[in-house]
Amino acid sequence: MDVYEVLSDGFKLSTDKDLLDLELIYKVLSGTYWAENIPVEVIAKSVEHSLCFGLYHGGGQQLGFARMVTDRATFAYLADVFVIPGYRGKGLSKFMMKAILEHPDMKGLRRIMLATRDAHGLYKQFGFTAVPNPEIFMQIHRPSIYKNQIQND
């Protein structure tokens, strides 16, 4: 699969998985409200099976990450979006979102979804809206799954 890259003001967004810093991704995600205590093996598997976007600066330091779970034909789910502390508030999440949504595989999709507690303002700028009829959607939600895995190991 071809590597997709977008450059802007010394920053680069790339789908090259060889550039990803899995240790950084694990460190950040395992401390988030949505993936607390996620095992590194689960992170590695999610990266392997997703369209991943790494955000880099200058000499290749990774500053951010996002991934799309997608069939690349009709649907995508945006997940695990972050910019590391120290680089937040500089417009990098906007740069990431614009570049991600301009990826050729994202342009023809019928539906792109995400879940967030605290970034509605960001995503609204890119056309995301609240689901108008949430009653048609269902889920299996296991919020303590990673905690339970740690206790069972």
C-alpha atoms as a PDB file:
ATOM      1  CA  MET A   1       0.000   0.000   0.000  1.00  0.00           C
ATOM      2  CA  ASP A   2       1.272   3.471  -0.874  1.00  0.00           C
ATOM      3  CA  VAL A   3       2.423   5.796   1.891  1.00  0.00           C
ATOM      4  CA  TYR A   4       0.380   8.985   2.211  1.00  0.00           C
ATOM      5  CA  GLU A   5       2.167  12.061   3.547  1.00  0.00           C
ATOM      6  CA  VAL A   6       1.177  15.679   4.072  1.00  0.00           C
ATOM      7  CA  LEU A   7       3.717  18.356   5.031  1.00  0.00           C
ATOM      8  CA  SER A   8       2.996  21.715   6.686  1.00  0.00           C
ATOM      9  CA  ASP A   9       5.292  24.188   8.479  1.00  0.00           C
ATOM     10  CA  GLY A  10       7.902  21.578   9.410  1.00  0.00           C
ATOM     11  CA  PHE A  11       5.334  18.983  10.479  1.00  0.00           C
ATOM     12  CA  LYS A  12       4.504  15.768   8.657  1.00  0.00           C
ATOM     13  CA  LEU A  13       1.503  13.462   8.812  1.00  0.00           C
ATOM     14  CA  SER A  14       2.320  10.023   7.414  1.00  0.00           C
ATOM     15  CA  THR A  15       0.700   6.612   7.056  1.00  0.00           C
ATOM     16  CA  ASP A  16       4.127   4.917   7.079  1.00  0.00           C
ATOM     17  CA  LYS A  17       3.782   2.403   9.926  1.00  0.00           C
ATOM     18  CA  ASP A  18       7.564   1.930  10.042  1.00  0.00           C
ATOM     19  CA  LEU A  19       7.843   5.463  11.472  1.00  0.00           C
ATOM     20  CA  LEU A  20       5.406   4.867  14.334  1.00  0.00           C
ATOM     21  CA  ASP A  21       6.788   4.872  17.872  1.00  0.00           C
ATOM     22  CA  LEU A  22       4.710   2.093  19.463  1.00  0.00           C
ATOM     23  CA  GLU A  23       6.224   2.791  22.876  1.00  0.00           C
ATOM     24  CA  LEU A  24       5.018   6.399  22.731  1.00  0.00           C
ATOM     25  CA  ILE A  25       1.586   5.364  21.444  1.00  0.00           C
ATOM     26  CA  TYR A  26       1.284   2.827  24.271  1.00  0.00           C
ATOM     27  CA  LYS A  27       2.447   5.320  26.899  1.00  0.00           C
ATOM     28  CA  VAL A  28      -0.098   7.927  25.817  1.00  0.00           C
ATOM     29  CA  LEU A  29      -3.079   5.667  25.121  1.00  0.00           C
ATOM     30  CA  SER A  30      -2.737   3.566  28.279  1.00  0.00           C
ATOM     31  CA  GLY A  31      -3.276   6.759  30.276  1.00  0.00           C
ATOM     32  CA  THR A  32      -6.359   7.992  28.419  1.00  0.00           C
ATOM     33  CA  TYR A  33      -9.959   7.733  29.587  1.00  0.00           C
ATOM     34  CA  TRP A  34     -10.899   5.620  26.560  1.00  0.00           C
ATOM     35  CA  ALA A  35      -8.030   3.112  26.623  1.00  0.00           C
ATOM     36  CA  GLU A  36      -6.864   3.108  30.230  1.00  0.00           C
ATOM     37  CA  ASN A  37      -4.584   0.149  30.979  1.00  0.00           C
ATOM     38  CA  ILE A  38      -4.677  -1.100  27.387  1.00  0.00           C
ATOM     39  CA  PRO A  39      -1.999  -3.784  26.933  1.00  0.00           C
ATOM     40  CA  VAL A  40       0.818  -3.041  24.505  1.00  0.00           C
ATOM     41  CA  GLU A  41      -0.099  -6.188  22.546  1.00  0.00           C
ATOM     42  CA  VAL A  42      -3.571  -4.781  21.895  1.00  0.00           C
ATOM     43  CA  ILE A  43      -2.042  -1.501  20.695  1.00  0.00           C
ATOM     44  CA  ALA A  44       0.248  -3.398  18.309  1.00  0.00           C
ATOM     45  CA  LYS A  45      -2.669  -5.422  16.927  1.00  0.00           C
ATOM     46  CA  SER A  46      -4.840  -2.318  16.483  1.00  0.00           C
ATOM     47  CA  VAL A  47      -2.029  -0.577  14.590  1.00  0.00           C
ATOM     48  CA  GLU A  48      -1.503  -3.625  12.393  1.00  0.00           C
ATOM     49  CA  HIS A  49      -5.167  -3.723  11.349  1.00  0.00           C
ATOM     50  CA  SER A  50      -5.897   0.009  10.982  1.00  0.00           C
ATOM     51  CA  LEU A  51      -5.077   2.865   8.653  1.00  0.00           C
ATOM     52  CA  CYS A  52      -2.697   4.747  10.952  1.00  0.00           C
ATOM     53  CA  PHE A  53      -1.524   8.339  10.845  1.00  0.00           C
ATOM     54  CA  GLY A  54       1.582   9.498  12.690  1.00  0.00           C
ATOM     55  CA  LEU A  55       2.361  13.177  13.278  1.00  0.00           C
ATOM     56  CA  TYR A  56       6.069  14.062  13.208  1.00  0.00           C
ATOM     57  CA  HIS A  57       8.291  17.117  13.575  1.00  0.00           C
ATOM     58  CA  GLY A  58      11.724  17.920  12.226  1.00  0.00           C
ATOM     59  CA  GLY A  59      14.032  14.967  12.718  1.00  0.00           C
ATOM     60  CA  GLY A  60      11.206  12.479  12.991  1.00  0.00           C
ATOM     61  CA  GLN A  61      10.038  12.886  16.598  1.00  0.00           C
ATOM     62  CA  GLN A  62       6.486  11.561  16.829  1.00  0.00           C
ATOM     63  CA  LEU A  63       4.092  14.118  18.290  1.00  0.00           C
ATOM     64  CA  GLY A  64       0.701  12.611  17.583  1.00  0.00           C
ATOM     65  CA  PHE A  65      -1.306   9.698  16.316  1.00  0.00           C
ATOM     66  CA  ALA A  66      -4.711   8.726  14.957  1.00  0.00           C
ATOM     67  CA  ARG A  67      -6.121   5.649  13.309  1.00  0.00           C
ATOM     68  CA  MET A  68      -9.059   4.787  11.110  1.00  0.00           C
ATOM     69  CA  VAL A  69     -10.741   1.409  11.363  1.00  0.00           C
ATOM     70  CA  THR A  70     -12.171   1.104   7.874  1.00  0.00           C
ATOM     71  CA  ASP A  71     -13.179  -1.072   4.963  1.00  0.00           C
ATOM     72  CA  ARG A  72     -11.959   1.790   2.710  1.00  0.00           C
ATOM     73  CA  ALA A  73     -15.207   1.578   0.737  1.00  0.00           C
ATOM     74  CA  THR A  74     -18.195   2.632   2.854  1.00  0.00           C
ATOM     75  CA  PHE A  75     -17.320   3.206   6.518  1.00  0.00           C
ATOM     76  CA  ALA A  76     -14.589   4.346   8.899  1.00  0.00           C
ATOM     77  CA  TYR A  77     -14.284   4.814  12.634  1.00  0.00           C
ATOM     78  CA  LEU A  78     -11.769   7.381  13.883  1.00  0.00           C
ATOM     79  CA  ALA A  79      -9.991   6.316  17.061  1.00  0.00           C
ATOM     80  CA  ASP A  80      -7.064   6.973  19.382  1.00  0.00           C
ATOM     81  CA  VAL A  81      -6.423  10.570  18.324  1.00  0.00           C
ATOM     82  CA  PHE A  82      -3.812  12.434  20.351  1.00  0.00           C
ATOM     83  CA  VAL A  83      -1.154  15.137  20.266  1.00  0.00           C
ATOM     84  CA  ILE A  84       1.435  14.907  23.035  1.00  0.00           C
ATOM     85  CA  PRO A  85       1.495  17.560  25.780  1.00  0.00           C
ATOM     86  CA  GLY A  86       3.730  20.471  24.893  1.00  0.00           C
ATOM     87  CA  TYR A  87       2.475  20.498  21.314  1.00  0.00           C
ATOM     88  CA  ARG A  88      -1.220  20.923  22.048  1.00  0.00           C
ATOM     89  CA  GLY A  89      -2.890  24.240  21.279  1.00  0.00           C
ATOM     90  CA  LYS A  90      -0.741  24.809  18.187  1.00  0.00           C
ATOM     91  CA  GLY A  91      -3.286  23.735  15.572  1.00  0.00           C
ATOM     92  CA  LEU A  92      -1.739  20.297  15.066  1.00  0.00           C
ATOM     93  CA  SER A  93      -4.953  18.379  15.686  1.00  0.00           C
ATOM     94  CA  LYS A  94      -6.602  20.536  13.013  1.00  0.00           C
ATOM     95  CA  PHE A  95      -3.728  19.788  10.633  1.00  0.00           C
ATOM     96  CA  MET A  96      -4.123  16.085  11.399  1.00  0.00           C
ATOM     97  CA  MET A  97      -7.883  16.050  10.877  1.00  0.00           C
ATOM     98  CA  LYS A  98      -7.721  17.972   7.604  1.00  0.00           C
ATOM     99  CA  ALA A  99      -5.029  15.646   6.232  1.00  0.00           C
ATOM    100  CA  ILE A 100      -6.774  12.485   7.464  1.00  0.00           C
ATOM    101  CA  LEU A 101     -10.079  13.443   5.872  1.00  0.00           C
ATOM    102  CA  GLU A 102      -8.283  14.284   2.609  1.00  0.00           C
ATOM    103  CA  HIS A 103      -6.727  10.812   2.420  1.00  0.00           C
ATOM    104  CA  PRO A 104      -7.932   9.229  -0.851  1.00  0.00           C
ATOM    105  CA  ASP A 105      -9.521   6.275   0.976  1.00  0.00           C
ATOM    106  CA  MET A 106     -11.586   8.595   3.199  1.00  0.00           C
ATOM    107  CA  LYS A 107     -13.097  10.771   0.470  1.00  0.00           C
ATOM    108  CA  GLY A 108     -15.759   8.388  -0.853  1.00  0.00           C
ATOM    109  CA  LEU A 109     -16.971   6.946   2.435  1.00  0.00           C
ATOM    110  CA  ARG A 110     -20.651   7.106   3.278  1.00  0.00           C
ATOM    111  CA  ARG A 111     -20.111   7.360   7.035  1.00  0.00           C
ATOM    112  CA  ILE A 112     -17.201   8.259   9.312  1.00  0.00           C
ATOM    113  CA  MET A 113     -17.838   7.973  13.034  1.00  0.00           C
ATOM    114  CA  LEU A 114     -16.008   8.671  16.270  1.00  0.00           C
ATOM    115  CA  ALA A 115     -16.653   8.884  19.986  1.00  0.00           C
ATOM    116  CA  THR A 116     -15.378  11.682  22.218  1.00  0.00           C
ATOM    117  CA  ARG A 117     -16.086  13.144  25.632  1.00  0.00           C
ATOM    118  CA  ASP A 118     -14.136  16.346  25.238  1.00  0.00           C
ATOM    119  CA  ALA A 119     -13.259  17.294  21.644  1.00  0.00           C
ATOM    120  CA  HIS A 120     -16.635  18.026  20.051  1.00  0.00           C
ATOM    121  CA  GLY A 121     -15.503  21.533  19.079  1.00  0.00           C
ATOM    122  CA  LEU A 122     -12.576  20.192  17.058  1.00  0.00           C
ATOM    123  CA  TYR A 123     -14.556  17.577  15.198  1.00  0.00           C
ATOM    124  CA  LYS A 124     -17.487  19.906  14.421  1.00  0.00           C
ATOM    125  CA  GLN A 125     -15.045  22.053  12.427  1.00  0.00           C
ATOM    126  CA  PHE A 126     -14.590  19.098  10.078  1.00  0.00           C
ATOM    127  CA  GLY A 127     -18.246  18.263   9.550  1.00  0.00           C
ATOM    128  CA  PHE A 128     -18.868  15.802  12.374  1.00  0.00           C
ATOM    129  CA  THR A 129     -22.265  16.142  14.039  1.00  0.00           C
ATOM    130  CA  ALA A 130     -24.092  14.404  16.846  1.00  0.00           C
ATOM    131  CA  VAL A 131     -25.878  11.294  15.625  1.00  0.00           C
ATOM    132  CA  PRO A 132     -29.419  12.524  14.884  1.00  0.00           C
ATOM    133  CA  ASN A 133     -31.024   9.164  15.585  1.00  0.00           C
ATOM    134  CA  PRO A 134     -28.873   7.360  18.143  1.00  0.00           C
ATOM    135  CA  GLU A 135     -31.614   4.812  18.737  1.00  0.00           C
ATOM    136  CA  ILE A 136     -30.655   3.027  15.494  1.00  0.00           C
ATOM    137  CA  PHE A 137     -27.115   2.365  16.755  1.00  0.00           C
ATOM    138  CA  MET A 138     -26.178  -0.395  19.163  1.00  0.00           C
ATOM    139  CA  GLN A 139     -22.958  -1.476  20.793  1.00  0.00           C
ATOM    140  CA  ILE A 140     -21.283  -4.001  23.009  1.00  0.00           C
ATOM    141  CA  HIS A 141     -19.359  -1.920  25.536  1.00  0.00           C
ATOM    142  CA  ARG A 142     -16.807  -3.450  27.892  1.00  0.00           C
ATOM    143  CA  PRO A 143     -15.259  -0.469  29.681  1.00  0.00           C
ATOM    144  CA  SER A 144     -13.194  -2.550  32.116  1.00  0.00           C
ATOM    145  CA  ILE A 145     -11.876  -5.132  29.656  1.00  0.00           C
ATOM    146  CA  TYR A 146      -8.206  -4.086  29.921  1.00  0.00           C
ATOM    147  CA  LYS A 147      -8.373  -3.841  33.710  1.00  0.00           C
ATOM    148  CA  ASN A 148      -9.887  -7.336  33.849  1.00  0.00           C
ATOM    149  CA  GLN A 149      -7.160  -8.698  31.547  1.00  0.00           C
ATOM    150  CA  ILE A 150      -4.453  -7.332  33.847  1.00  0.00           C
ATOM    151  CA  GLN A 151      -6.068  -8.920  36.915  1.00  0.00           C
ATOM    152  CA  ASN A 152      -6.456 -12.280  35.136  1.00  0.00           C
ATOM    153  CA  ASP A 153      -2.841 -12.442  33.911  1.00  0.00           C
END
